[in-house]
Amino acid sequence: MDRKKKFCTLFEKLINNKRKVLISDAYGNNSYIQIRNFNYSISNPSILIEATIILKDEINSDILDISVADFVIQESIPYFFSDIPTKTMINWDV
């Protein structure tokens, strides 16, 4: 497994285990956040994290808000990278 995929897997497990209740409350039971990719910019030190919110049991327009996913990702990034600006790109899937 390459380093990028390993980071995505570890980061995904961290956010989904650490904030499982918050994610379930925001997006429905059995929903989770999948980390698809991350890119590190050398010229302008920053990280772009591409994530997807996987909706499972409950799908309606009231839960289509990315603020919780963005919060969970931003809260957990210092465990891997400290003092690096992070941007997120979040999509939806069922």
Protein backbone atom coordinates (compact mmCIF):
# COMPACT_ATOMS: atom_id res chain seq x y z
CA MET A 1 0.00 0.00 0.00
CA ASP A 2 1.45 3.36 -0.96
CA ARG A 3 1.84 6.18 1.56
CA LYS A 4 -0.98 8.31 0.21
CA LYS A 5 -3.51 5.46 0.41
CA LYS A 6 -2.25 4.53 3.87
CA PHE A 7 -2.72 8.10 5.09
CA CYS A 8 -6.25 8.22 3.64
CA THR A 9 -7.16 4.96 5.37
CA LEU A 10 -5.71 5.99 8.75
CA PHE A 11 -7.28 9.44 8.61
CA GLU A 12 -10.65 7.97 7.63
CA LYS A 13 -10.56 5.52 10.54
CA LEU A 14 -9.58 8.30 12.94
CA ILE A 15 -12.41 10.65 12.05
CA ASN A 16 -15.08 7.96 11.79
CA ASN A 17 -14.17 6.31 15.10
CA LYS A 18 -13.47 9.49 17.04
CA ARG A 19 -16.62 11.34 15.95
CA LYS A 20 -18.99 8.46 15.16
CA VAL A 21 -21.85 9.87 17.25
CA LEU A 22 -21.54 13.35 15.75
CA ILE A 23 -21.49 11.97 12.20
CA SER A 24 -24.48 9.71 12.90
CA ASP A 25 -26.45 12.58 14.44
CA ALA A 26 -25.73 14.86 11.48
CA TYR A 27 -26.09 12.45 8.56
CA GLY A 28 -28.07 9.46 9.85
CA ASN A 29 -27.22 6.06 11.26
CA ASN A 30 -24.42 4.10 9.59
CA SER A 31 -23.27 7.14 7.59
CA TYR A 32 -19.55 7.82 7.44
CA ILE A 33 -16.95 10.04 5.83
CA GLN A 34 -14.67 8.49 3.23
CA ILE A 35 -11.33 10.13 2.44
CA ARG A 36 -10.78 9.79 -1.31
CA ASN A 37 -7.49 11.62 -1.75
CA PHE A 38 -5.21 14.31 -0.40
CA ASN A 39 -2.73 16.56 -2.15
CA TYR A 40 0.13 18.48 -0.61
CA SER A 41 1.27 21.65 -2.34
CA ILE A 42 5.00 22.31 -2.09
CA SER A 43 4.97 25.81 -3.58
CA ASN A 44 2.29 27.03 -1.19
CA PRO A 45 2.40 24.77 1.87
CA SER A 46 -1.17 23.56 2.18
CA ILE A 47 -3.16 20.35 2.01
CA LEU A 48 -6.31 19.65 0.00
CA ILE A 49 -8.38 16.77 1.33
CA GLU A 50 -11.03 15.24 -0.91
CA ALA A 51 -13.76 13.55 1.10
CA THR A 52 -17.13 11.97 0.43
CA ILE A 53 -19.99 11.70 2.88
CA ILE A 54 -21.58 8.26 2.44
CA LEU A 55 -25.25 8.40 3.46
CA LYS A 56 -26.78 5.09 4.52
CA ASP A 57 -30.10 4.93 6.38
CA GLU A 58 -31.58 8.40 6.07
CA ILE A 59 -31.43 10.52 2.93
CA ASN A 60 -33.29 13.83 2.80
CA SER A 61 -32.56 17.44 1.99
CA ASP A 62 -32.34 18.46 5.66
CA ILE A 63 -29.03 16.65 6.17
CA LEU A 64 -27.24 17.99 3.09
CA ASP A 65 -24.88 20.23 5.01
CA ILE A 66 -21.12 19.77 4.82
CA SER A 67 -20.29 21.83 7.92
CA VAL A 68 -20.10 18.82 10.25
CA ALA A 69 -17.83 16.88 7.89
CA ASP A 70 -15.61 19.92 7.42
CA PHE A 71 -15.43 20.42 11.21
CA VAL A 72 -14.49 16.78 11.85
CA ILE A 73 -11.76 16.86 9.20
CA GLN A 74 -10.32 20.19 10.34
CA GLU A 75 -10.37 19.03 13.97
CA SER A 76 -8.46 15.83 13.20
CA ILE A 77 -5.81 17.10 10.76
CA PRO A 78 -3.39 18.32 13.53
CA TYR A 79 -2.87 14.66 14.52
CA PHE A 80 -1.01 14.19 11.22
CA PHE A 81 0.13 17.66 10.12
CA SER A 82 0.58 20.58 12.48
CA ASP A 83 0.50 24.22 11.40
CA ILE A 84 -0.35 23.52 7.76
CA PRO A 85 -3.43 25.18 6.25
CA THR A 86 -5.99 22.63 5.13
CA LYS A 87 -8.76 22.91 2.59
CA THR A 88 -11.52 20.38 2.09
CA MET A 89 -13.53 19.38 -0.92
CA ILE A 90 -16.59 17.38 0.15
CA ASN A 91 -19.05 15.44 -2.02
CA TRP A 92 -22.09 13.24 -1.34
CA ASP A 93 -22.77 9.61 -2.18
CA VAL A 94 -25.31 6.96 -1.22
